[in-house]
Amino acid sequence: MIPKYNIWLELDGKVVLSVWRVRLLEAIEEKGSITSAAAALNVPYRRAWQRLHEMEERLGVTLVKTEVGGVGGGGAKLTPEAKDLINRFHLFADGLGEEIINRFENAFREG
């Protein structure tokens, strides 16, 4: 047997942050656009935009500043609030996998 887990945070019963949503924010930061981030995550632009919009609405903060068109073709940048959320999520979630494996091994160890 192998333990599996997924971590997400909810507000009023609705997902506001998850491993996938953090990856989306990180991809936006890395790629400089929602379109490129969606492509990197292999999801439709519409899904990426919807998840981003859900997070912003539910948290009541702007997470991404966008620029439309122009010579550079526009783009997207994370706000300080988004960067803070990413950092806090990593502080919370990083290392949980090791803890889960340790607990699993203690609970299911033979002998």
PDB file of N, CA and C in Angstrom:
ATOM      1  N   MET A   1       0.839  -1.190   0.000  1.00  0.00           N
ATOM      2  CA  MET A   1       0.000   0.000   0.000  1.00  0.00           C
ATOM      3  C   MET A   1       0.882   1.252   0.000  1.00  0.00           C
ATOM      4  N   ILE A   2       0.347   2.283  -0.608  1.00  0.00           N
ATOM      5  CA  ILE A   2       1.029   3.571  -0.671  1.00  0.00           C
ATOM      6  C   ILE A   2       0.028   4.658  -0.284  1.00  0.00           C
ATOM      7  N   PRO A   3       0.398   5.528   0.668  1.00  0.00           N
ATOM      8  CA  PRO A   3      -0.533   6.608   1.031  1.00  0.00           C
ATOM      9  C   PRO A   3      -0.574   7.681  -0.053  1.00  0.00           C
ATOM     10  N   LYS A   4      -1.753   8.211  -0.303  1.00  0.00           N
ATOM     11  CA  LYS A   4      -1.955   9.316  -1.243  1.00  0.00           C
ATOM     12  C   LYS A   4      -2.690  10.434  -0.503  1.00  0.00           C
ATOM     13  N   TYR A   5      -2.423  11.660  -0.887  1.00  0.00           N
ATOM     14  CA  TYR A   5      -3.095  12.789  -0.245  1.00  0.00           C
ATOM     15  C   TYR A   5      -3.123  13.984  -1.184  1.00  0.00           C
ATOM     16  N   ASN A   6      -4.026  14.896  -0.890  1.00  0.00           N
ATOM     17  CA  ASN A   6      -4.107  16.157  -1.615  1.00  0.00           C
ATOM     18  C   ASN A   6      -4.484  17.231  -0.598  1.00  0.00           C
ATOM     19  N   ILE A   7      -3.859  18.365  -0.680  1.00  0.00           N
ATOM     20  CA  ILE A   7      -4.078  19.443   0.288  1.00  0.00           C
ATOM     21  C   ILE A   7      -4.732  20.634  -0.409  1.00  0.00           C
ATOM     22  N   TRP A   8      -5.770  21.171   0.215  1.00  0.00           N
ATOM     23  CA  TRP A   8      -6.363  22.411  -0.271  1.00  0.00           C
ATOM     24  C   TRP A   8      -6.956  23.158   0.909  1.00  0.00           C
ATOM     25  N   LEU A   9      -7.178  24.444   0.719  1.00  0.00           N
ATOM     26  CA  LEU A   9      -7.766  25.294   1.750  1.00  0.00           C
ATOM     27  C   LEU A   9      -9.104  25.806   1.253  1.00  0.00           C
ATOM     28  N   GLU A  10     -10.086  25.803   2.151  1.00  0.00           N
ATOM     29  CA  GLU A  10     -11.428  26.263   1.809  1.00  0.00           C
ATOM     30  C   GLU A  10     -11.810  27.465   2.657  1.00  0.00           C
ATOM     31  N   LEU A  11     -12.706  28.255   2.113  1.00  0.00           N
ATOM     32  CA  LEU A  11     -13.320  29.366   2.830  1.00  0.00           C
ATOM     33  C   LEU A  11     -14.811  29.270   2.564  1.00  0.00           C
ATOM     34  N   ASP A  12     -15.594  29.172   3.608  1.00  0.00           N
ATOM     35  CA  ASP A  12     -17.046  29.013   3.475  1.00  0.00           C
ATOM     36  C   ASP A  12     -17.405  27.812   2.596  1.00  0.00           C
ATOM     37  N   GLY A  13     -16.637  26.730   2.741  1.00  0.00           N
ATOM     38  CA  GLY A  13     -16.928  25.496   2.019  1.00  0.00           C
ATOM     39  C   GLY A  13     -16.502  25.480   0.562  1.00  0.00           C
ATOM     40  N   LYS A  14     -15.758  26.496   0.125  1.00  0.00           N
ATOM     41  CA  LYS A  14     -15.316  26.564  -1.273  1.00  0.00           C
ATOM     42  C   LYS A  14     -13.794  26.654  -1.330  1.00  0.00           C
ATOM     43  N   VAL A  15     -13.209  25.949  -2.283  1.00  0.00           N
ATOM     44  CA  VAL A  15     -11.755  25.929  -2.428  1.00  0.00           C
ATOM     45  C   VAL A  15     -11.242  27.326  -2.773  1.00  0.00           C
ATOM     46  N   VAL A  16     -10.220  27.754  -2.029  1.00  0.00           N
ATOM     47  CA  VAL A  16      -9.569  29.021  -2.351  1.00  0.00           C
ATOM     48  C   VAL A  16      -8.104  28.818  -2.726  1.00  0.00           C
ATOM     49  N   LEU A  17      -7.493  27.772  -2.212  1.00  0.00           N
ATOM     50  CA  LEU A  17      -6.085  27.527  -2.503  1.00  0.00           C
ATOM     51  C   LEU A  17      -5.827  26.033  -2.470  1.00  0.00           C
ATOM     52  N   SER A  18      -5.047  25.566  -3.423  1.00  0.00           N
ATOM     53  CA  SER A  18      -4.695  24.146  -3.510  1.00  0.00           C
ATOM     54  C   SER A  18      -3.321  24.043  -4.154  1.00  0.00           C
ATOM     55  N   VAL A  19      -2.784  22.846  -4.173  1.00  0.00           N
ATOM     56  CA  VAL A  19      -1.494  22.637  -4.824  1.00  0.00           C
ATOM     57  C   VAL A  19      -1.584  23.088  -6.280  1.00  0.00           C
ATOM     58  N   TRP A  20      -2.657  22.694  -6.970  1.00  0.00           N
ATOM     59  CA  TRP A  20      -2.804  23.066  -8.374  1.00  0.00           C
ATOM     60  C   TRP A  20      -2.948  24.577  -8.542  1.00  0.00           C
ATOM     61  N   ARG A  21      -3.713  25.218  -7.679  1.00  0.00           N
ATOM     62  CA  ARG A  21      -3.910  26.664  -7.792  1.00  0.00           C
ATOM     63  C   ARG A  21      -2.615  27.425  -7.503  1.00  0.00           C
ATOM     64  N   VAL A  22      -1.830  26.922  -6.578  1.00  0.00           N
ATOM     65  CA  VAL A  22      -0.519  27.529  -6.321  1.00  0.00           C
ATOM     66  C   VAL A  22       0.377  27.356  -7.544  1.00  0.00           C
ATOM     67  N   ARG A  23       0.331  26.174  -8.159  1.00  0.00           N
ATOM     68  CA  ARG A  23       1.108  25.960  -9.392  1.00  0.00           C
ATOM     69  C   ARG A  23       0.680  26.946 -10.481  1.00  0.00           C
ATOM     70  N   LEU A  24      -0.612  27.204 -10.565  1.00  0.00           N
ATOM     71  CA  LEU A  24      -1.112  28.171 -11.546  1.00  0.00           C
ATOM     72  C   LEU A  24      -0.514  29.548 -11.287  1.00  0.00           C
ATOM     73  N   LEU A  25      -0.561  30.001 -10.048  1.00  0.00           N
ATOM     74  CA  LEU A  25       0.013  31.307  -9.716  1.00  0.00           C
ATOM     75  C   LEU A  25       1.508  31.337 -10.020  1.00  0.00           C
ATOM     76  N   GLU A  26       2.213  30.278  -9.663  1.00  0.00           N
ATOM     77  CA  GLU A  26       3.650  30.221  -9.930  1.00  0.00           C
ATOM     78  C   GLU A  26       3.936  30.230 -11.435  1.00  0.00           C
ATOM     79  N   ALA A  27       3.098  29.552 -12.207  1.00  0.00           N
ATOM     80  CA  ALA A  27       3.272  29.534 -13.665  1.00  0.00           C
ATOM     81  C   ALA A  27       3.009  30.911 -14.262  1.00  0.00           C
ATOM     82  N   ILE A  28       2.025  31.625 -13.732  1.00  0.00           N
ATOM     83  CA  ILE A  28       1.757  32.992 -14.200  1.00  0.00           C
ATOM     84  C   ILE A  28       2.981  33.869 -13.932  1.00  0.00           C
ATOM     85  N   GLU A  29       3.552  33.733 -12.753  1.00  0.00           N
ATOM     86  CA  GLU A  29       4.749  34.505 -12.410  1.00  0.00           C
ATOM     87  C   GLU A  29       5.911  34.157 -13.346  1.00  0.00           C
ATOM     88  N   GLU A  30       6.090  32.873 -13.595  1.00  0.00           N
ATOM     89  CA  GLU A  30       7.209  32.418 -14.429  1.00  0.00           C
ATOM     90  C   GLU A  30       7.029  32.785 -15.900  1.00  0.00           C
ATOM     91  N   LYS A  31       5.820  32.586 -16.424  1.00  0.00           N
ATOM     92  CA  LYS A  31       5.574  32.772 -17.856  1.00  0.00           C
ATOM     93  C   LYS A  31       5.190  34.199 -18.229  1.00  0.00           C
ATOM     94  N   GLY A  32       4.665  34.953 -17.258  1.00  0.00           N
ATOM     95  CA  GLY A  32       4.306  36.338 -17.531  1.00  0.00           C
ATOM     96  C   GLY A  32       2.951  36.533 -18.176  1.00  0.00           C
ATOM     97  N   SER A  33       2.164  35.449 -18.291  1.00  0.00           N
ATOM     98  CA  SER A  33       0.807  35.593 -18.816  1.00  0.00           C
ATOM     99  C   SER A  33      -0.045  34.410 -18.378  1.00  0.00           C
ATOM    100  N   ILE A  34      -1.344  34.646 -18.317  1.00  0.00           N
ATOM    101  CA  ILE A  34      -2.275  33.575 -17.962  1.00  0.00           C
ATOM    102  C   ILE A  34      -2.333  32.552 -19.088  1.00  0.00           C
ATOM    103  N   THR A  35      -2.292  33.014 -20.324  1.00  0.00           N
ATOM    104  CA  THR A  35      -2.333  32.111 -21.479  1.00  0.00           C
ATOM    105  C   THR A  35      -1.154  31.146 -21.458  1.00  0.00           C
ATOM    106  N   SER A  36       0.038  31.659 -21.262  1.00  0.00           N
ATOM    107  CA  SER A  36       1.236  30.814 -21.233  1.00  0.00           C
ATOM    108  C   SER A  36       1.239  29.898 -20.017  1.00  0.00           C
ATOM    109  N   ALA A  37       0.735  30.395 -18.891  1.00  0.00           N
ATOM    110  CA  ALA A  37       0.648  29.562 -17.690  1.00  0.00           C
ATOM    111  C   ALA A  37      -0.310  28.403 -17.917  1.00  0.00           C
ATOM    112  N   ALA A  38      -1.452  28.681 -18.523  1.00  0.00           N
ATOM    113  CA  ALA A  38      -2.429  27.627 -18.819  1.00  0.00           C
ATOM    114  C   ALA A  38      -1.819  26.584 -19.742  1.00  0.00           C
ATOM    115  N   ALA A  39      -1.113  27.033 -20.763  1.00  0.00           N
ATOM    116  CA  ALA A  39      -0.468  26.099 -21.694  1.00  0.00           C
ATOM    117  C   ALA A  39       0.567  25.242 -20.973  1.00  0.00           C
ATOM    118  N   ALA A  40       1.341  25.854 -20.077  1.00  0.00           N
ATOM    119  CA  ALA A  40       2.362  25.115 -19.332  1.00  0.00           C
ATOM    120  C   ALA A  40       1.740  24.052 -18.430  1.00  0.00           C
ATOM    121  N   LEU A  41       0.532  24.333 -17.922  1.00  0.00           N
ATOM    122  CA  LEU A  41      -0.169  23.375 -17.058  1.00  0.00           C
ATOM    123  C   LEU A  41      -1.073  22.446 -17.857  1.00  0.00           C
ATOM    124  N   ASN A  42      -1.088  22.645 -19.172  1.00  0.00           N
ATOM    125  CA  ASN A  42      -1.886  21.803 -20.071  1.00  0.00           C
ATOM    126  C   ASN A  42      -3.380  21.855 -19.748  1.00  0.00           C
ATOM    127  N   VAL A  43      -3.874  23.065 -19.486  1.00  0.00           N
ATOM    128  CA  VAL A  43      -5.308  23.272 -19.250  1.00  0.00           C
ATOM    129  C   VAL A  43      -5.788  24.403 -20.153  1.00  0.00           C
ATOM    130  N   PRO A  44      -7.068  24.420 -20.473  1.00  0.00           N
ATOM    131  CA  PRO A  44      -7.591  25.524 -21.278  1.00  0.00           C
ATOM    132  C   PRO A  44      -7.444  26.864 -20.547  1.00  0.00           C
ATOM    133  N   TYR A  45      -7.228  27.918 -21.323  1.00  0.00           N
ATOM    134  CA  TYR A  45      -7.130  29.265 -20.756  1.00  0.00           C
ATOM    135  C   TYR A  45      -8.342  29.565 -19.889  1.00  0.00           C
ATOM    136  N   ARG A  46      -9.530  29.190 -20.376  1.00  0.00           N
ATOM    137  CA  ARG A  46     -10.763  29.495 -19.645  1.00  0.00           C
ATOM    138  C   ARG A  46     -10.753  28.899 -18.238  1.00  0.00           C
ATOM    139  N   ARG A  47     -10.274  27.663 -18.104  1.00  0.00           N
ATOM    140  CA  ARG A  47     -10.227  27.033 -16.778  1.00  0.00           C
ATOM    141  C   ARG A  47      -9.255  27.771 -15.867  1.00  0.00           C
ATOM    142  N   ALA A  48      -8.089  28.113 -16.390  1.00  0.00           N
ATOM    143  CA  ALA A  48      -7.106  28.844 -15.588  1.00  0.00           C
ATOM    144  C   ALA A  48      -7.682  30.187 -15.141  1.00  0.00           C
ATOM    145  N   TRP A  49      -8.315  30.906 -16.072  1.00  0.00           N
ATOM    146  CA  TRP A  49      -8.896  32.204 -15.739  1.00  0.00           C
ATOM    147  C   TRP A  49     -10.006  32.047 -14.699  1.00  0.00           C
ATOM    148  N   GLN A  50     -10.853  31.022 -14.861  1.00  0.00           N
ATOM    149  CA  GLN A  50     -11.944  30.803 -13.904  1.00  0.00           C
ATOM    150  C   GLN A  50     -11.406  30.538 -12.501  1.00  0.00           C
ATOM    151  N   ARG A  51     -10.395  29.687 -12.396  1.00  0.00           N
ATOM    152  CA  ARG A  51      -9.834  29.375 -11.075  1.00  0.00           C
ATOM    153  C   ARG A  51      -9.207  30.613 -10.447  1.00  0.00           C
ATOM    154  N   LEU A  52      -8.523  31.390 -11.243  1.00  0.00           N
ATOM    155  CA  LEU A  52      -7.927  32.628 -10.754  1.00  0.00           C
ATOM    156  C   LEU A  52      -9.015  33.579 -10.263  1.00  0.00           C
ATOM    157  N   HIS A  53     -10.064  33.736 -11.056  1.00  0.00           N
ATOM    158  CA  HIS A  53     -11.182  34.605 -10.692  1.00  0.00           C
ATOM    159  C   HIS A  53     -11.854  34.113  -9.404  1.00  0.00           C
ATOM    160  N   GLU A  54     -12.045  32.799  -9.272  1.00  0.00           N
ATOM    161  CA  GLU A  54     -12.641  32.233  -8.052  1.00  0.00           C
ATOM    162  C   GLU A  54     -11.798  32.577  -6.832  1.00  0.00           C
ATOM    163  N   MET A  55     -10.483  32.407  -6.951  1.00  0.00           N
ATOM    164  CA  MET A  55      -9.605  32.709  -5.818  1.00  0.00           C
ATOM    165  C   MET A  55      -9.724  34.178  -5.425  1.00  0.00           C
ATOM    166  N   GLU A  56      -9.674  35.058  -6.412  1.00  0.00           N
ATOM    167  CA  GLU A  56      -9.740  36.487  -6.120  1.00  0.00           C
ATOM    168  C   GLU A  56     -11.070  36.863  -5.481  1.00  0.00           C
ATOM    169  N   GLU A  57     -12.161  36.341  -6.012  1.00  0.00           N
ATOM    170  CA  GLU A  57     -13.485  36.650  -5.455  1.00  0.00           C
ATOM    171  C   GLU A  57     -13.626  36.135  -4.034  1.00  0.00           C
ATOM    172  N   ARG A  58     -13.246  34.891  -3.818  1.00  0.00           N
ATOM    173  CA  ARG A  58     -13.430  34.260  -2.509  1.00  0.00           C
ATOM    174  C   ARG A  58     -12.521  34.857  -1.446  1.00  0.00           C
ATOM    175  N   LEU A  59     -11.321  35.257  -1.835  1.00  0.00           N
ATOM    176  CA  LEU A  59     -10.381  35.840  -0.880  1.00  0.00           C
ATOM    177  C   LEU A  59     -10.556  37.349  -0.739  1.00  0.00           C
ATOM    178  N   GLY A  60     -11.215  37.967  -1.726  1.00  0.00           N
ATOM    179  CA  GLY A  60     -11.428  39.408  -1.679  1.00  0.00           C
ATOM    180  C   GLY A  60     -10.175  40.221  -1.948  1.00  0.00           C
ATOM    181  N   VAL A  61      -9.231  39.645  -2.700  1.00  0.00           N
ATOM    182  CA  VAL A  61      -8.000  40.357  -3.045  1.00  0.00           C
ATOM    183  C   VAL A  61      -7.669  40.142  -4.521  1.00  0.00           C
ATOM    184  N   THR A  62      -6.941  41.080  -5.076  1.00  0.00           N
ATOM    185  CA  THR A  62      -6.433  40.927  -6.434  1.00  0.00           C
ATOM    186  C   THR A  62      -5.137  40.140  -6.354  1.00  0.00           C
ATOM    187  N   LEU A  63      -5.045  39.070  -7.136  1.00  0.00           N
ATOM    188  CA  LEU A  63      -3.854  38.227  -7.119  1.00  0.00           C
ATOM    189  C   LEU A  63      -2.959  38.454  -8.331  1.00  0.00           C
ATOM    190  N   VAL A  64      -3.565  38.896  -9.436  1.00  0.00           N
ATOM    191  CA  VAL A  64      -2.814  39.089 -10.677  1.00  0.00           C
ATOM    192  C   VAL A  64      -3.191  40.424 -11.298  1.00  0.00           C
ATOM    193  N   LYS A  65      -2.180  41.192 -11.672  1.00  0.00           N
ATOM    194  CA  LYS A  65      -2.374  42.434 -12.419  1.00  0.00           C
ATOM    195  C   LYS A  65      -2.089  42.128 -13.879  1.00  0.00           C
ATOM    196  N   THR A  66      -3.034  42.478 -14.748  1.00  0.00           N
ATOM    197  CA  THR A  66      -2.856  42.199 -16.173  1.00  0.00           C
ATOM    198  C   THR A  66      -2.715  43.491 -16.961  1.00  0.00           C
ATOM    199  N   GLU A  67      -1.986  43.387 -18.068  1.00  0.00           N
ATOM    200  CA  GLU A  67      -1.844  44.486 -19.016  1.00  0.00           C
ATOM    201  C   GLU A  67      -2.333  43.974 -20.356  1.00  0.00           C
ATOM    202  N   VAL A  68      -3.165  44.746 -21.021  1.00  0.00           N
ATOM    203  CA  VAL A  68      -3.768  44.322 -22.281  1.00  0.00           C
ATOM    204  C   VAL A  68      -2.931  44.790 -23.457  1.00  0.00           C
ATOM    205  N   GLY A  69      -2.691  43.874 -24.404  1.00  0.00           N
ATOM    206  CA  GLY A  69      -2.080  44.191 -25.698  1.00  0.00           C
ATOM    207  C   GLY A  69      -0.848  45.052 -25.652  1.00  0.00           C
ATOM    208  N   GLY A  70      -0.741  45.930 -26.630  1.00  0.00           N
ATOM    209  CA  GLY A  70       0.408  46.816 -26.720  1.00  0.00           C
ATOM    210  C   GLY A  70       1.555  46.177 -27.485  1.00  0.00           C
ATOM    211  N   VAL A  71       2.668  46.875 -27.524  1.00  0.00           N
ATOM    212  CA  VAL A  71       3.839  46.416 -28.268  1.00  0.00           C
ATOM    213  C   VAL A  71       4.346  45.085 -27.731  1.00  0.00           C
ATOM    214  N   GLY A  72       4.381  44.942 -26.418  1.00  0.00           N
ATOM    215  CA  GLY A  72       4.870  43.701 -25.808  1.00  0.00           C
ATOM    216  C   GLY A  72       3.835  42.604 -25.760  1.00  0.00           C
ATOM    217  N   GLY A  73       2.605  42.900 -26.180  1.00  0.00           N
ATOM    218  CA  GLY A  73       1.564  41.879 -26.190  1.00  0.00           C
ATOM    219  C   GLY A  73       0.859  41.688 -24.871  1.00  0.00           C
ATOM    220  N   GLY A  74       1.030  42.596 -23.937  1.00  0.00           N
ATOM    221  CA  GLY A  74       0.353  42.470 -22.654  1.00  0.00           C
ATOM    222  C   GLY A  74       1.074  41.500 -21.742  1.00  0.00           C
ATOM    223  N   GLY A  75       0.410  41.133 -20.662  1.00  0.00           N
ATOM    224  CA  GLY A  75       1.032  40.201 -19.728  1.00  0.00           C
ATOM    225  C   GLY A  75       0.333  40.204 -18.393  1.00  0.00           C
ATOM    226  N   ALA A  76       0.900  39.453 -17.468  1.00  0.00           N
ATOM    227  CA  ALA A  76       0.324  39.325 -16.134  1.00  0.00           C
ATOM    228  C   ALA A  76       1.445  39.209 -15.108  1.00  0.00           C
ATOM    229  N   LYS A  77       1.230  39.857 -13.967  1.00  0.00           N
ATOM    230  CA  LYS A  77       2.189  39.798 -12.864  1.00  0.00           C
ATOM    231  C   LYS A  77       1.441  39.539 -11.572  1.00  0.00           C
ATOM    232  N   LEU A  78       2.065  38.774 -10.688  1.00  0.00           N
ATOM    233  CA  LEU A  78       1.460  38.515  -9.387  1.00  0.00           C
ATOM    234  C   LEU A  78       1.557  39.747  -8.503  1.00  0.00           C
ATOM    235  N   THR A  79       0.536  39.939  -7.693  1.00  0.00           N
ATOM    236  CA  THR A  79       0.547  41.006  -6.700  1.00  0.00           C
ATOM    237  C   THR A  79       1.325  40.524  -5.476  1.00  0.00           C
ATOM    238  N   PRO A  80       1.718  41.446  -4.611  1.00  0.00           N
ATOM    239  CA  PRO A  80       2.370  41.027  -3.365  1.00  0.00           C
ATOM    240  C   PRO A  80       1.490  40.066  -2.550  1.00  0.00           C
ATOM    241  N   GLU A  81       0.167  40.257  -2.604  1.00  0.00           N
ATOM    242  CA  GLU A  81      -0.752  39.367  -1.877  1.00  0.00           C
ATOM    243  C   GLU A  81      -0.669  37.939  -2.409  1.00  0.00           C
ATOM    244  N   ALA A  82      -0.553  37.796  -3.721  1.00  0.00           N
ATOM    245  CA  ALA A  82      -0.436  36.464  -4.324  1.00  0.00           C
ATOM    246  C   ALA A  82       0.873  35.805  -3.902  1.00  0.00           C
ATOM    247  N   LYS A  83       1.952  36.567  -3.931  1.00  0.00           N
ATOM    248  CA  LYS A  83       3.252  36.020  -3.533  1.00  0.00           C
ATOM    249  C   LYS A  83       3.237  35.598  -2.069  1.00  0.00           C
ATOM    250  N   ASP A  84       2.566  36.383  -1.238  1.00  0.00           N
ATOM    251  CA  ASP A  84       2.444  36.040   0.178  1.00  0.00           C
ATOM    252  C   ASP A  84       1.646  34.745   0.362  1.00  0.00           C
ATOM    253  N   LEU A  85       0.552  34.603  -0.378  1.00  0.00           N
ATOM    254  CA  LEU A  85      -0.245  33.374  -0.295  1.00  0.00           C
ATOM    255  C   LEU A  85       0.564  32.153  -0.706  1.00  0.00           C
ATOM    256  N   ILE A  86       1.332  32.285  -1.779  1.00  0.00           N
ATOM    257  CA  ILE A  86       2.181  31.178  -2.229  1.00  0.00           C
ATOM    258  C   ILE A  86       3.161  30.791  -1.126  1.00  0.00           C
ATOM    259  N   ASN A  87       3.830  31.780  -0.553  1.00  0.00           N
ATOM    260  CA  ASN A  87       4.795  31.505   0.517  1.00  0.00           C
ATOM    261  C   ASN A  87       4.135  30.841   1.714  1.00  0.00           C
ATOM    262  N   ARG A  88       2.978  31.343   2.119  1.00  0.00           N
ATOM    263  CA  ARG A  88       2.274  30.766   3.270  1.00  0.00           C
ATOM    264  C   ARG A  88       1.810  29.340   2.982  1.00  0.00           C
ATOM    265  N   PHE A  89       1.329  29.102   1.754  1.00  0.00           N
ATOM    266  CA  PHE A  89       0.890  27.753   1.397  1.00  0.00           C
ATOM    267  C   PHE A  89       2.065  26.785   1.465  1.00  0.00           C
ATOM    268  N   HIS A  90       3.221  27.209   0.954  1.00  0.00           N
ATOM    269  CA  HIS A  90       4.403  26.341   1.014  1.00  0.00           C
ATOM    270  C   HIS A  90       4.838  26.105   2.457  1.00  0.00           C
ATOM    271  N   LEU A  91       4.780  27.129   3.291  1.00  0.00           N
ATOM    272  CA  LEU A  91       5.113  26.949   4.711  1.00  0.00           C
ATOM    273  C   LEU A  91       4.207  25.903   5.350  1.00  0.00           C
ATOM    274  N   PHE A  92       2.944  25.931   4.970  1.00  0.00           N
ATOM    275  CA  PHE A  92       1.963  24.992   5.502  1.00  0.00           C
ATOM    276  C   PHE A  92       2.133  23.595   4.915  1.00  0.00           C
ATOM    277  N   ALA A  93       2.225  23.492   3.587  1.00  0.00           N
ATOM    278  CA  ALA A  93       2.122  22.196   2.907  1.00  0.00           C
ATOM    279  C   ALA A  93       3.448  21.465   2.713  1.00  0.00           C
ATOM    280  N   ASP A  94       4.539  22.194   2.526  1.00  0.00           N
ATOM    281  CA  ASP A  94       5.821  21.523   2.291  1.00  0.00           C
ATOM    282  C   ASP A  94       6.197  20.696   3.519  1.00  0.00           C
ATOM    283  N   GLY A  95       6.573  19.470   3.284  1.00  0.00           N
ATOM    284  CA  GLY A  95       6.941  18.579   4.380  1.00  0.00           C
ATOM    285  C   GLY A  95       5.805  17.705   4.865  1.00  0.00           C
ATOM    286  N   LEU A  96       4.563  18.031   4.486  1.00  0.00           N
ATOM    287  CA  LEU A  96       3.439  17.194   4.909  1.00  0.00           C
ATOM    288  C   LEU A  96       3.545  15.789   4.332  1.00  0.00           C
ATOM    289  N   GLY A  97       4.077  15.670   3.120  1.00  0.00           N
ATOM    290  CA  GLY A  97       4.242  14.356   2.499  1.00  0.00           C
ATOM    291  C   GLY A  97       5.117  13.449   3.335  1.00  0.00           C
ATOM    292  N   GLU A  98       6.229  13.982   3.824  1.00  0.00           N
ATOM    293  CA  GLU A  98       7.122  13.199   4.681  1.00  0.00           C
ATOM    294  C   GLU A  98       6.414  12.793   5.965  1.00  0.00           C
ATOM    295  N   GLU A  99       5.670  13.708   6.548  1.00  0.00           N
ATOM    296  CA  GLU A  99       4.932  13.406   7.777  1.00  0.00           C
ATOM    297  C   GLU A  99       3.902  12.315   7.538  1.00  0.00           C
ATOM    298  N   ILE A 100       3.208  12.379   6.420  1.00  0.00           N
ATOM    299  CA  ILE A 100       2.203  11.367   6.089  1.00  0.00           C
ATOM    300  C   ILE A 100       2.866  10.011   5.898  1.00  0.00           C
ATOM    301  N   ILE A 101       3.999   9.972   5.199  1.00  0.00           N
ATOM    302  CA  ILE A 101       4.711   8.704   5.002  1.00  0.00           C
ATOM    303  C   ILE A 101       5.185   8.146   6.333  1.00  0.00           C
ATOM    304  N   ASN A 102       5.726   8.993   7.209  1.00  0.00           N
ATOM    305  CA  ASN A 102       6.160   8.533   8.534  1.00  0.00           C
ATOM    306  C   ASN A 102       4.998   7.944   9.326  1.00  0.00           C
ATOM    307  N   ARG A 103       3.867   8.627   9.328  1.00  0.00           N
ATOM    308  CA  ARG A 103       2.701   8.127  10.057  1.00  0.00           C
ATOM    309  C   ARG A 103       2.189   6.825   9.450  1.00  0.00           C
ATOM    310  N   PHE A 104       2.202   6.752   8.119  1.00  0.00           N
ATOM    311  CA  PHE A 104       1.781   5.534   7.431  1.00  0.00           C
ATOM    312  C   PHE A 104       2.685   4.372   7.829  1.00  0.00           C
ATOM    313  N   GLU A 105       3.996   4.597   7.777  1.00  0.00           N
ATOM    314  CA  GLU A 105       4.933   3.530   8.122  1.00  0.00           C
ATOM    315  C   GLU A 105       4.778   3.102   9.571  1.00  0.00           C
ATOM    316  N   ASN A 106       4.539   4.043  10.475  1.00  0.00           N
ATOM    317  CA  ASN A 106       4.317   3.688  11.879  1.00  0.00           C
ATOM    318  C   ASN A 106       3.034   2.890  12.060  1.00  0.00           C
ATOM    319  N   ALA A 107       2.002   3.243  11.331  1.00  0.00           N
ATOM    320  CA  ALA A 107       0.707   2.572  11.480  1.00  0.00           C
ATOM    321  C   ALA A 107       0.678   1.207  10.808  1.00  0.00           C
ATOM    322  N   PHE A 108       1.384   1.054   9.695  1.00  0.00           N
ATOM    323  CA  PHE A 108       1.277  -0.173   8.919  1.00  0.00           C
ATOM    324  C   PHE A 108       2.564  -0.999   8.894  1.00  0.00           C
ATOM    325  N   ARG A 109       3.506  -0.631   9.711  1.00  0.00           N
ATOM    326  CA  ARG A 109       4.768  -1.370   9.778  1.00  0.00           C
ATOM    327  C   ARG A 109       4.492  -2.794  10.231  1.00  0.00           C
ATOM    328  N   GLU A 110       5.146  -3.718   9.578  1.00  0.00           N
ATOM    329  CA  GLU A 110       4.974  -5.124   9.969  1.00  0.00           C
ATOM    330  C   GLU A 110       5.814  -5.405  11.198  1.00  0.00           C
ATOM    331  N   GLY A 111       5.268  -6.259  12.052  1.00  0.00           N
ATOM    332  CA  GLY A 111       6.032  -6.706  13.213  1.00  0.00           C
ATOM    333  C   GLY A 111       5.589  -6.021  14.409  1.00  0.00           C
TER     334      GLY A 111
END
